[in-house]
Amino acid sequence: MPRCSSTYRRRDPTQSILRSAVRQHLATFESQCQADARTLPSFVSQNLRRFIDCGDLSKGLARFVCEGCKYEHLAPLSCKGRGLCPTCGGRRMRSLSQHLVDAVLPDVPLRQWVLTLPYPLRYPAAFDQKLCTEIHRIFARTLHASYRRSAEERGQLGGQSGAVTFVQRFGSALNLNPHFHLLAIDGTFHRQRSAAVEAGADPGAEEPEALRFVHAPPLTQQKLEALLLKVHRKLLRMLQRRGLLEDGLEDPLAEQSPALAACYQGAVSQRLALGPHRGRPAIQIQTDTRHAAECVVTKRRLSANLDGLDLHAALTLGADQRQARERLLRYCARPPLSDERLTELPDGHYLLKLKTPWRNGTTHHKLQPLELMERLAAQIPEPNSRLVLYTGCLAPNAKLRPLVVRHARSEDEPDPAELSRTRPERERWAELMKRSFGLDVRTCPRCGGYMQHIATILEHRVAQKILQHLKLPCTPPATGPPADPPPFWPAPVEDDCYAQDDAEYDWA
């Protein structure tokens, strides 16, 4: 962990390009939805407006005072939104990864399984929570059964595996791409009789149960393809049973919320969904000429694809790689977008940098403001939707869970079960900042004393009076008025490397 520093600088929400874009174009986006006779769900509008107020001192603040020199520090409140805010998503990412490493995942080898859905299934899985849960259940049960059969082939009966799954809704281009990152125990746990019972002690006496971990054999390409074939076959049966393979099906999301349905469809196909230019593809800027020149599709190790259903399982972690586990968990629980990847251009458009270059050399997407708002709206999950799932022996009501989380942990480590019971709903802000960034926010920058929390102000009028007394800006930036959608981008010239065709790219 990095060395703690005594200085802490409050984040400035006015420097966020993403927050400024939402503030300027939210009214235009809502007016465009009304102009197209489409309705936007209330949870989307509320999440976007809360994101604008995140980090604004005039909307609420916490007061800290040094016990020695009486130096006062003000900290803004967060919006606690899901699926959009990089700050709140980053805090949730680090808090969850810390909890999983310390109190949930046992010290045994782990393997990451990534299941990506085909294009026709991404749209219904994005808005139908029951369908998304059923797809995950089929995948998780098939995987756990594969681990169990592998142990039975070696004479180890009654084994159980477990996993933690992160449901990600986004791709690198901020497109709507529901897929599953499943971090599974690479083996099975088996109950074993205690040493006292094996030695002939009274079997009726109370003895603590013990577990034995059996590592799974090395994964081969044949086993991976067989697993994908089973998942594919079960998915087809499930879709046929639900009637989703028939032609001319009704779209319940389009009936309930036409605007959100259009945003979903546009985010899946990466096309403009609203306004007079709807149906036009996004500009793809190719700057990586090396990838564009090669254009060779290479098959990754331990990966398979069947009718658009892609499975990848090459990443493994050892039992002692705790820091690597936390990094992987942060990657799985990360928010969809960060300010570092977004740039505002002089013509009013936004340049979105891809996480990794595509196979044709595309490194950036050029989005107009309305298109950016559509993709942001599509990334906001519905209320009460589950984005982290626990299965197998790590399920909340699993009988082996209390023994699994304690397996192979040293005596000086805290009890994981006790950590799970005493863990607050949200980690303390100061402790989270100290572990994540090495910043001791409770240390006074003047005298090095202890900063004591004295009050949390939730009323806007009171917060503005405090800011006025301290001669700080007390008026939040105004939201941009509704405006006509800007004209679409001009036709590309010969010197520009724009790719607007419908070629097949590497969307992973």
Protein backbone atom coordinates (compact mmCIF):
# COMPACT_ATOMS: atom_id res chain seq x y z
CA MET A 1 0.00 0.00 0.00
CA PRO A 2 1.37 3.45 -0.85
CA ARG A 3 2.63 5.68 1.89
CA CYS A 4 -0.04 7.87 3.44
CA SER A 5 0.07 11.57 2.71
CA SER A 6 -1.20 14.34 4.97
CA THR A 7 -2.57 16.44 2.11
CA TYR A 8 -5.95 15.91 0.54
CA ARG A 9 -7.48 17.94 -2.26
CA ARG A 10 -11.22 17.95 -2.71
CA ARG A 11 -12.30 16.90 -6.18
CA ASP A 12 -13.62 19.66 -8.41
CA PRO A 13 -16.80 18.52 -10.24
CA THR A 14 -16.51 21.42 -12.70
CA GLN A 15 -13.39 19.80 -14.19
CA SER A 16 -15.25 16.62 -15.15
CA ILE A 17 -15.91 16.44 -18.89
CA LEU A 18 -18.56 13.77 -18.46
CA ARG A 19 -20.47 15.74 -15.82
CA SER A 20 -20.26 18.90 -17.92
CA ALA A 21 -21.60 17.04 -20.95
CA VAL A 22 -24.61 15.72 -19.00
CA ARG A 23 -25.29 19.16 -17.51
CA GLN A 24 -25.24 20.87 -20.90
CA HIS A 25 -27.20 18.34 -22.93
CA LEU A 26 -29.64 16.68 -20.52
CA ALA A 27 -32.44 19.14 -21.30
CA THR A 28 -31.86 18.71 -25.03
CA PHE A 29 -31.93 14.93 -24.67
CA GLU A 30 -35.22 14.99 -22.75
CA SER A 31 -36.81 17.43 -25.22
CA GLN A 32 -35.70 15.23 -28.13
CA CYS A 33 -37.37 12.23 -26.51
CA GLN A 34 -40.61 14.21 -26.23
CA ALA A 35 -40.29 15.45 -29.82
CA ASP A 36 -40.08 11.83 -31.03
CA ALA A 37 -43.20 10.98 -28.96
CA ARG A 38 -41.15 8.76 -26.67
CA THR A 39 -41.17 8.65 -22.89
CA LEU A 40 -38.07 8.36 -20.71
CA PRO A 41 -38.34 6.37 -17.44
CA SER A 42 -38.16 8.41 -14.26
CA PHE A 43 -35.24 6.41 -12.84
CA VAL A 44 -33.07 7.38 -15.82
CA SER A 45 -33.81 11.11 -15.48
CA GLN A 46 -33.33 11.00 -11.71
CA ASN A 47 -30.01 9.19 -12.00
CA LEU A 48 -28.73 11.69 -14.57
CA ARG A 49 -29.76 14.69 -12.44
CA ARG A 50 -28.24 13.20 -9.30
CA PHE A 51 -25.03 12.65 -11.22
CA ILE A 52 -24.92 16.38 -12.07
CA ASP A 53 -25.14 17.27 -8.35
CA CYS A 54 -22.52 14.73 -7.26
CA GLY A 55 -19.62 16.51 -5.57
CA ASP A 56 -21.40 19.89 -5.45
CA LEU A 57 -20.95 21.52 -2.02
CA SER A 58 -24.12 23.57 -2.43
CA LYS A 59 -26.18 20.34 -2.58
CA GLY A 60 -24.84 18.98 0.73
CA LEU A 61 -21.57 18.69 2.60
CA ALA A 62 -19.77 17.19 5.59
CA ARG A 63 -17.80 19.41 8.00
CA PHE A 64 -14.47 18.40 9.54
CA VAL A 65 -12.59 20.49 12.13
CA CYS A 66 -9.04 19.99 13.41
CA GLU A 67 -8.92 19.40 17.16
CA GLY A 68 -5.68 21.39 17.45
CA CYS A 69 -5.68 24.46 15.20
CA LYS A 70 -9.46 24.48 14.46
CA TYR A 71 -8.84 24.31 10.73
CA GLU A 72 -12.11 23.47 8.96
CA HIS A 73 -12.46 21.30 5.90
CA LEU A 74 -15.58 20.71 3.79
CA ALA A 75 -16.21 17.45 1.91
CA PRO A 76 -18.97 17.10 -0.72
CA LEU A 77 -21.57 14.37 -0.71
CA SER A 78 -21.81 11.74 -3.43
CA CYS A 79 -24.85 10.79 -5.51
CA LYS A 80 -24.46 7.04 -4.82
CA GLY A 81 -25.77 6.35 -8.31
CA ARG A 82 -25.38 3.08 -10.19
CA GLY A 83 -24.04 2.55 -13.67
CA LEU A 84 -22.94 6.10 -14.53
CA CYS A 85 -20.99 8.12 -11.93
CA PRO A 86 -17.24 7.33 -12.13
CA THR A 87 -16.62 8.59 -8.59
CA CYS A 88 -19.37 6.60 -6.87
CA GLY A 89 -18.68 3.60 -9.10
CA GLY A 90 -15.00 3.74 -8.20
CA ARG A 91 -15.79 3.87 -4.51
CA ARG A 92 -18.18 0.93 -4.79
CA MET A 93 -15.60 -0.94 -6.87
CA ARG A 94 -12.85 -0.62 -4.26
CA SER A 95 -15.13 -1.29 -1.30
CA LEU A 96 -16.58 -4.44 -2.86
CA SER A 97 -13.22 -5.81 -3.99
CA GLN A 98 -11.78 -5.29 -0.52
CA HIS A 99 -14.73 -7.09 1.09
CA LEU A 100 -14.56 -10.05 -1.30
CA VAL A 101 -10.83 -10.56 -0.78
CA ASP A 102 -10.98 -10.21 3.02
CA ALA A 103 -14.25 -11.96 3.87
CA VAL A 104 -15.65 -14.04 1.00
CA LEU A 105 -13.17 -15.65 -1.38
CA PRO A 106 -11.12 -18.50 0.15
CA ASP A 107 -7.37 -18.76 -0.30
CA VAL A 108 -7.54 -21.30 -3.13
CA PRO A 109 -6.82 -21.04 -6.89
CA LEU A 110 -9.40 -19.08 -8.88
CA ARG A 111 -10.27 -18.91 -12.58
CA GLN A 112 -12.10 -16.17 -14.43
CA TRP A 113 -14.78 -17.23 -16.92
CA VAL A 114 -16.13 -14.57 -19.28
CA LEU A 115 -19.36 -15.31 -21.17
CA THR A 116 -20.37 -12.83 -23.90
CA LEU A 117 -23.85 -12.99 -25.41
CA PRO A 118 -24.64 -12.87 -29.15
CA TYR A 119 -26.07 -9.67 -30.61
CA PRO A 120 -29.74 -10.81 -30.87
CA LEU A 121 -29.71 -11.71 -27.16
CA ARG A 122 -28.09 -8.52 -25.84
CA TYR A 123 -31.12 -6.27 -26.21
CA PRO A 124 -33.65 -8.51 -24.37
CA ALA A 125 -31.08 -9.43 -21.69
CA ALA A 126 -30.41 -5.75 -21.01
CA PHE A 127 -33.96 -4.86 -19.91
CA ASP A 128 -35.39 -8.25 -18.88
CA GLN A 129 -33.85 -8.97 -15.48
CA LYS A 130 -35.47 -12.42 -15.26
CA LEU A 131 -33.99 -13.43 -18.62
CA CYS A 132 -30.53 -12.19 -17.62
CA THR A 133 -30.75 -14.10 -14.32
CA GLU A 134 -31.85 -17.26 -16.13
CA ILE A 135 -28.93 -17.05 -18.56
CA HIS A 136 -26.52 -16.67 -15.64
CA ARG A 137 -28.15 -19.57 -13.78
CA ILE A 138 -27.69 -21.87 -16.78
CA PHE A 139 -24.05 -20.85 -17.16
CA ALA A 140 -23.22 -21.13 -13.44
CA ARG A 141 -24.94 -24.48 -12.91
CA THR A 142 -23.31 -25.98 -15.99
CA LEU A 143 -19.90 -24.79 -14.82
CA HIS A 144 -20.34 -26.09 -11.26
CA ALA A 145 -21.55 -29.45 -12.62
CA SER A 146 -18.43 -29.62 -14.80
CA TYR A 147 -16.20 -29.10 -11.76
CA ARG A 148 -18.13 -31.72 -9.81
CA ARG A 149 -17.92 -34.34 -12.59
CA SER A 150 -14.22 -33.66 -12.97
CA ALA A 151 -13.71 -34.47 -9.28
CA GLU A 152 -15.90 -37.57 -9.48
CA GLU A 153 -13.81 -38.93 -12.34
CA ARG A 154 -10.87 -38.98 -9.93
CA GLY A 155 -12.87 -40.66 -7.16
CA GLN A 156 -13.71 -37.51 -5.15
CA LEU A 157 -17.46 -37.60 -4.57
CA GLY A 158 -19.77 -34.95 -3.14
CA GLY A 159 -17.70 -31.95 -4.16
CA GLN A 160 -19.03 -28.40 -4.42
CA SER A 161 -17.65 -25.37 -6.21
CA GLY A 162 -18.62 -21.72 -5.98
CA ALA A 163 -18.30 -18.42 -7.82
CA VAL A 164 -18.88 -14.67 -7.69
CA THR A 165 -20.34 -13.20 -10.89
CA PHE A 166 -20.25 -9.59 -12.05
CA VAL A 167 -22.85 -8.60 -14.62
CA GLN A 168 -21.33 -5.92 -16.86
CA ARG A 169 -23.62 -4.02 -19.20
CA PHE A 170 -21.05 -2.04 -21.17
CA GLY A 171 -18.37 -2.48 -23.79
CA SER A 172 -15.25 -0.47 -24.52
CA ALA A 173 -17.14 1.89 -26.86
CA LEU A 174 -19.84 2.53 -24.22
CA ASN A 175 -22.08 0.20 -26.21
CA LEU A 176 -24.71 -1.96 -24.55
CA ASN A 177 -23.08 -5.37 -24.15
CA PRO A 178 -24.42 -7.48 -21.24
CA HIS A 179 -21.86 -10.15 -20.35
CA PHE A 180 -20.74 -12.09 -17.28
CA HIS A 181 -17.39 -12.11 -15.47
CA LEU A 182 -17.54 -15.21 -13.29
CA LEU A 183 -14.69 -15.66 -10.79
CA ALA A 184 -14.94 -19.34 -9.89
CA ILE A 185 -13.14 -21.55 -7.39
CA ASP A 186 -10.90 -23.67 -9.63
CA GLY A 187 -11.76 -26.93 -7.92
CA THR A 188 -14.18 -28.44 -5.42
CA PHE A 189 -14.57 -28.54 -1.65
CA HIS A 190 -15.29 -31.84 0.11
CA ARG A 191 -16.34 -32.52 3.67
CA GLN A 192 -13.93 -34.71 5.60
CA ARG A 193 -14.09 -36.41 8.96
CA SER A 194 -12.06 -34.87 11.76
CA ALA A 195 -8.83 -36.44 12.98
CA ALA A 196 -10.42 -37.36 16.32
CA VAL A 197 -13.17 -39.39 14.66
CA GLU A 198 -10.65 -41.10 12.38
CA ALA A 199 -8.64 -42.09 15.50
CA GLY A 200 -11.65 -43.87 17.03
CA ALA A 201 -13.16 -41.17 19.23
CA ASP A 202 -16.85 -41.03 19.99
CA PRO A 203 -18.54 -40.16 16.68
CA GLY A 204 -21.41 -38.55 18.58
CA ALA A 205 -19.16 -35.93 20.17
CA GLU A 206 -19.25 -32.45 18.69
CA GLU A 207 -16.22 -31.93 16.47
CA PRO A 208 -15.59 -29.00 14.18
CA GLU A 209 -16.18 -29.82 10.55
CA ALA A 210 -13.27 -29.63 8.14
CA LEU A 211 -13.00 -29.19 4.40
CA ARG A 212 -10.60 -30.59 1.86
CA PHE A 213 -9.95 -28.73 -1.35
CA VAL A 214 -9.36 -30.68 -4.56
CA HIS A 215 -7.77 -28.68 -7.34
CA ALA A 216 -9.32 -29.11 -10.79
CA PRO A 217 -7.16 -30.64 -13.54
CA PRO A 218 -5.70 -28.27 -16.15
CA LEU A 219 -8.33 -26.85 -18.46
CA THR A 220 -8.02 -27.93 -22.09
CA GLN A 221 -9.52 -26.53 -25.26
CA GLN A 222 -11.66 -29.65 -25.70
CA LYS A 223 -13.19 -29.26 -22.22
CA LEU A 224 -13.88 -25.58 -22.83
CA GLU A 225 -15.63 -26.26 -26.14
CA ALA A 226 -17.67 -29.08 -24.57
CA LEU A 227 -18.77 -26.73 -21.79
CA LEU A 228 -19.75 -24.03 -24.28
CA LEU A 229 -21.72 -26.57 -26.32
CA LYS A 230 -23.74 -27.57 -23.23
CA VAL A 231 -24.44 -23.94 -22.33
CA HIS A 232 -25.48 -23.21 -25.91
CA ARG A 233 -27.85 -26.19 -26.00
CA LYS A 234 -29.47 -25.27 -22.68
CA LEU A 235 -29.85 -21.63 -23.72
CA LEU A 236 -31.64 -22.65 -26.91
CA ARG A 237 -34.06 -24.84 -24.94
CA MET A 238 -34.72 -22.02 -22.47
CA LEU A 239 -35.31 -19.46 -25.22
CA GLN A 240 -37.60 -21.84 -27.06
CA ARG A 241 -39.54 -22.54 -23.87
CA ARG A 242 -40.00 -18.80 -23.28
CA GLY A 243 -41.04 -18.26 -26.90
CA LEU A 244 -38.17 -15.90 -27.69
CA LEU A 245 -37.15 -17.70 -30.88
CA GLU A 246 -40.41 -16.97 -32.71
CA ASP A 247 -40.72 -14.20 -35.29
CA GLY A 248 -42.87 -11.13 -34.74
CA LEU A 249 -42.60 -11.01 -30.95
CA GLU A 250 -43.88 -7.98 -29.08
CA ASP A 251 -41.37 -5.70 -27.39
CA PRO A 252 -42.57 -4.98 -23.82
CA LEU A 253 -39.88 -2.36 -23.25
CA ALA A 254 -40.95 -0.42 -26.34
CA GLU A 255 -44.51 -0.37 -25.02
CA GLN A 256 -43.52 0.76 -21.52
CA SER A 257 -40.72 3.19 -22.44
CA PRO A 258 -40.15 3.83 -26.15
CA ALA A 259 -37.27 6.25 -25.49
CA LEU A 260 -35.30 3.80 -23.38
CA ALA A 261 -35.97 0.99 -25.87
CA ALA A 262 -34.57 3.18 -28.65
CA CYS A 263 -31.49 3.98 -26.54
CA TYR A 264 -30.95 0.27 -25.88
CA GLN A 265 -31.22 -0.62 -29.55
CA GLY A 266 -28.92 2.21 -30.56
CA ALA A 267 -26.35 1.32 -27.89
CA VAL A 268 -26.33 -2.34 -28.99
CA SER A 269 -25.91 -1.55 -32.70
CA GLN A 270 -23.82 1.61 -32.00
CA ARG A 271 -26.10 3.82 -34.06
CA LEU A 272 -27.94 7.04 -33.34
CA ALA A 273 -31.40 6.24 -31.95
CA LEU A 274 -33.13 9.65 -31.64
CA GLY A 275 -33.37 12.84 -33.64
CA PRO A 276 -33.46 13.47 -37.37
CA HIS A 277 -30.23 11.51 -37.94
CA ARG A 278 -31.29 8.29 -36.20
CA GLY A 279 -29.94 5.13 -37.76
CA ARG A 280 -26.57 6.63 -38.64
CA PRO A 281 -23.51 4.77 -37.32
CA ALA A 282 -20.93 6.32 -35.05
CA ILE A 283 -17.67 7.63 -36.47
CA GLN A 284 -14.84 5.18 -35.86
CA ILE A 285 -11.41 6.75 -36.05
CA GLN A 286 -8.59 4.41 -37.05
CA THR A 287 -5.21 5.56 -35.77
CA ASP A 288 -3.54 2.20 -35.10
CA THR A 289 -2.30 1.42 -38.61
CA ARG A 290 -0.50 -1.71 -37.43
CA HIS A 291 -3.77 -3.42 -36.53
CA ALA A 292 -5.51 -2.04 -39.61
CA ALA A 293 -2.81 -3.45 -41.89
CA GLU A 294 -2.79 -6.91 -40.37
CA CYS A 295 -6.56 -7.55 -40.03
CA VAL A 296 -5.81 -11.13 -39.02
CA VAL A 297 -8.26 -12.84 -36.66
CA THR A 298 -6.24 -14.89 -34.20
CA LYS A 299 -7.95 -17.32 -31.87
CA ARG A 300 -7.17 -16.64 -28.23
CA ARG A 301 -5.96 -19.34 -25.89
CA LEU A 302 -8.73 -21.17 -24.03
CA SER A 303 -11.53 -19.37 -25.84
CA ALA A 304 -14.38 -20.56 -28.04
CA ASN A 305 -17.24 -19.02 -29.98
CA LEU A 306 -20.47 -20.68 -31.06
CA ASP A 307 -23.16 -18.68 -32.90
CA GLY A 308 -21.98 -15.47 -31.24
CA LEU A 309 -21.84 -17.03 -27.75
CA ASP A 310 -18.25 -16.46 -26.65
CA LEU A 311 -16.49 -18.08 -23.70
CA HIS A 312 -13.01 -17.23 -22.44
CA ALA A 313 -11.24 -18.78 -19.42
CA ALA A 314 -7.48 -18.27 -19.75
CA LEU A 315 -6.92 -16.13 -16.64
CA THR A 316 -6.09 -17.96 -13.39
CA LEU A 317 -4.89 -16.73 -10.00
CA GLY A 318 -3.04 -18.63 -7.32
CA ALA A 319 -4.03 -18.98 -3.70
CA ASP A 320 -1.42 -16.46 -2.50
CA GLN A 321 -2.04 -13.73 -5.10
CA ARG A 322 -4.19 -11.47 -2.95
CA GLN A 323 -3.19 -8.21 -4.61
CA ALA A 324 -3.83 -9.69 -8.05
CA ARG A 325 -7.26 -10.82 -6.86
CA GLU A 326 -8.15 -7.35 -5.71
CA ARG A 327 -7.01 -5.85 -9.01
CA LEU A 328 -9.09 -8.37 -10.97
CA LEU A 329 -12.14 -7.71 -8.79
CA ARG A 330 -11.76 -3.97 -9.29
CA TYR A 331 -11.63 -4.57 -13.03
CA CYS A 332 -14.82 -6.65 -12.91
CA ALA A 333 -16.69 -4.13 -10.72
CA ARG A 334 -15.48 -0.98 -12.49
CA PRO A 335 -17.85 1.74 -13.77
CA PRO A 336 -18.52 1.92 -17.52
CA LEU A 337 -16.63 5.16 -18.21
CA SER A 338 -13.93 7.41 -16.75
CA ASP A 339 -13.17 11.04 -17.52
CA GLU A 340 -9.71 10.13 -18.81
CA ARG A 341 -11.25 8.38 -21.83
CA LEU A 342 -13.53 11.27 -22.85
CA THR A 343 -12.39 14.45 -24.65
CA GLU A 344 -14.49 17.40 -25.78
CA LEU A 345 -13.70 18.62 -29.29
CA PRO A 346 -13.92 22.24 -30.47
CA ASP A 347 -16.86 21.43 -32.77
CA GLY A 348 -18.99 20.30 -29.81
CA HIS A 349 -18.57 16.57 -30.36
CA TYR A 350 -16.90 14.13 -27.93
CA LEU A 351 -14.01 11.79 -28.59
CA LEU A 352 -14.28 8.46 -26.76
CA LYS A 353 -11.04 6.49 -26.45
CA LEU A 354 -11.39 2.70 -26.59
CA LYS A 355 -9.79 0.62 -23.87
CA THR A 356 -7.89 -1.45 -26.44
CA PRO A 357 -7.67 -0.98 -30.24
CA TRP A 358 -10.02 -3.04 -32.36
CA ARG A 359 -8.80 -5.49 -34.99
CA ASN A 360 -9.26 -2.96 -37.81
CA GLY A 361 -7.19 -0.32 -35.99
CA THR A 362 -10.10 1.70 -34.52
CA THR A 363 -8.97 3.49 -31.37
CA HIS A 364 -11.61 6.24 -30.89
CA HIS A 365 -15.28 6.92 -31.46
CA LYS A 366 -16.51 10.40 -32.31
CA LEU A 367 -19.92 10.95 -30.73
CA GLN A 368 -22.24 13.89 -31.01
CA PRO A 369 -23.82 15.06 -27.70
CA LEU A 370 -27.18 13.38 -28.28
CA GLU A 371 -25.48 10.10 -29.10
CA LEU A 372 -23.39 10.29 -25.92
CA MET A 373 -26.53 10.90 -23.84
CA GLU A 374 -28.24 7.90 -25.45
CA ARG A 375 -25.39 5.58 -24.54
CA LEU A 376 -25.21 6.94 -20.99
CA ALA A 377 -28.94 6.42 -20.51
CA ALA A 378 -28.63 2.83 -21.73
CA GLN A 379 -25.97 2.07 -19.09
CA ILE A 380 -28.20 2.94 -16.12
CA PRO A 381 -29.57 -0.32 -14.69
CA GLU A 382 -33.12 -0.61 -13.48
CA PRO A 383 -33.75 -0.22 -9.74
CA ASN A 384 -33.19 -3.37 -7.65
CA SER A 385 -31.36 -5.12 -10.49
CA ARG A 386 -28.61 -7.43 -9.25
CA LEU A 387 -25.18 -6.85 -10.74
CA VAL A 388 -23.21 -9.12 -8.35
CA LEU A 389 -24.33 -12.74 -7.92
CA TYR A 390 -23.07 -15.53 -5.63
CA THR A 391 -23.54 -19.17 -6.59
CA GLY A 392 -22.54 -22.65 -5.40
CA CYS A 393 -20.85 -22.91 -2.02
CA LEU A 394 -20.47 -19.10 -1.94
CA ALA A 395 -24.22 -18.51 -2.13
CA PRO A 396 -25.64 -16.64 0.90
CA ASN A 397 -27.59 -19.67 2.20
CA ALA A 398 -25.09 -22.38 1.25
CA LYS A 399 -24.34 -24.77 4.11
CA LEU A 400 -20.63 -24.87 3.31
CA ARG A 401 -20.17 -21.10 3.05
CA PRO A 402 -19.05 -20.53 6.70
CA LEU A 403 -16.36 -23.20 6.26
CA VAL A 404 -15.35 -22.17 2.75
CA VAL A 405 -14.62 -18.52 3.60
CA ARG A 406 -12.35 -19.62 6.48
CA HIS A 407 -10.45 -22.20 4.43
CA ALA A 408 -6.62 -21.88 4.44
CA ARG A 409 -6.61 -18.53 6.24
CA SER A 410 -3.96 -17.80 8.83
CA GLU A 411 -4.85 -17.44 12.51
CA ASP A 412 -3.78 -13.79 12.67
CA GLU A 413 -6.33 -12.78 10.01
CA PRO A 414 -9.76 -11.62 11.19
CA ASP A 415 -12.64 -14.06 11.00
CA PRO A 416 -14.35 -13.65 7.58
CA ALA A 417 -17.73 -14.53 9.05
CA GLU A 418 -17.34 -11.82 11.67
CA LEU A 419 -16.29 -9.33 8.98
CA SER A 420 -19.42 -10.17 6.97
CA ARG A 421 -21.67 -9.63 9.99
CA THR A 422 -20.05 -6.41 11.16
CA ARG A 423 -19.38 -4.89 7.72
CA PRO A 424 -21.34 -1.65 7.38
CA GLU A 425 -23.52 -0.99 4.40
CA ARG A 426 -20.82 1.29 3.01
CA GLU A 427 -17.18 1.40 4.03
CA ARG A 428 -16.02 4.44 5.93
CA TRP A 429 -14.85 7.11 3.53
CA ALA A 430 -11.60 7.86 5.37
CA GLU A 431 -10.55 4.20 5.62
CA LEU A 432 -11.39 3.58 1.96
CA MET A 433 -9.33 6.58 0.81
CA LYS A 434 -6.43 5.47 2.97
CA ARG A 435 -6.38 1.95 1.52
CA SER A 436 -7.03 2.99 -2.07
CA PHE A 437 -4.91 6.09 -2.58
CA GLY A 438 -2.67 6.27 0.47
CA LEU A 439 -4.32 9.53 1.60
CA ASP A 440 -5.00 10.09 5.29
CA VAL A 441 -7.90 12.52 4.94
CA ARG A 442 -8.26 12.80 8.73
CA THR A 443 -4.85 14.50 9.06
CA CYS A 444 -4.88 18.30 9.27
CA PRO A 445 -2.82 19.91 6.45
CA ARG A 446 -1.73 22.74 8.79
CA CYS A 447 -0.63 21.16 12.05
CA GLY A 448 -0.91 17.43 11.37
CA GLY A 449 -3.63 16.99 13.99
CA TYR A 450 -6.77 14.88 13.83
CA MET A 451 -9.74 16.14 11.78
CA GLN A 452 -12.97 15.49 13.67
CA HIS A 453 -16.28 15.09 11.84
CA ILE A 454 -18.78 17.49 13.41
CA ALA A 455 -21.80 17.65 11.09
CA THR A 456 -23.38 16.51 7.84
CA ILE A 457 -25.46 19.17 6.10
CA LEU A 458 -28.22 17.87 3.86
CA GLU A 459 -30.35 21.01 3.44
CA HIS A 460 -29.37 23.10 0.44
CA ARG A 461 -30.10 26.46 2.09
CA VAL A 462 -27.91 25.72 5.08
CA ALA A 463 -25.08 24.48 2.86
CA GLN A 464 -25.26 27.63 0.73
CA LYS A 465 -25.12 29.88 3.83
CA ILE A 466 -21.99 28.10 5.03
CA LEU A 467 -20.38 28.53 1.63
CA GLN A 468 -21.32 32.22 1.58
CA HIS A 469 -19.77 32.70 5.02
CA LEU A 470 -16.55 31.04 3.86
CA LYS A 471 -16.62 33.08 0.62
CA LEU A 472 -16.84 29.99 -1.56
CA PRO A 473 -18.98 29.52 -4.70
CA CYS A 474 -22.48 28.73 -3.47
CA THR A 475 -24.44 28.63 -6.74
CA PRO A 476 -24.30 25.40 -8.74
CA PRO A 477 -23.61 25.67 -12.49
CA ALA A 478 -26.76 26.16 -14.50
CA THR A 479 -28.11 23.31 -16.60
CA GLY A 480 -28.03 23.91 -20.32
CA PRO A 481 -31.36 24.89 -21.93
CA PRO A 482 -33.05 22.69 -24.53
CA ALA A 483 -31.58 23.20 -27.98
CA ASP A 484 -32.04 21.80 -31.44
CA PRO A 485 -29.86 18.78 -32.16
CA PRO A 486 -26.64 19.80 -33.91
CA PRO A 487 -26.15 18.89 -37.55
CA PHE A 488 -24.62 15.52 -38.21
CA TRP A 489 -20.89 15.29 -38.84
CA PRO A 490 -19.68 16.18 -42.32
CA ALA A 491 -18.67 13.61 -44.87
CA PRO A 492 -15.13 12.33 -44.25
CA VAL A 493 -12.32 13.62 -46.40
CA GLU A 494 -9.56 11.50 -47.86
CA ASP A 495 -7.04 12.37 -45.15
CA ASP A 496 -9.34 11.23 -42.32
CA CYS A 497 -9.35 7.57 -41.31
CA TYR A 498 -13.09 7.16 -40.66
CA ALA A 499 -14.73 3.76 -40.84
CA GLN A 500 -18.53 4.02 -41.15
CA ASP A 501 -19.22 0.66 -42.73
CA ASP A 502 -20.86 -2.28 -41.00
CA ALA A 503 -17.76 -4.48 -40.89
CA GLU A 504 -17.39 -7.06 -38.17
CA TYR A 505 -15.13 -5.87 -35.36
CA ASP A 506 -13.74 -7.30 -32.15
CA TRP A 507 -16.25 -5.95 -29.64
CA ALA A 508 -14.68 -7.61 -26.58
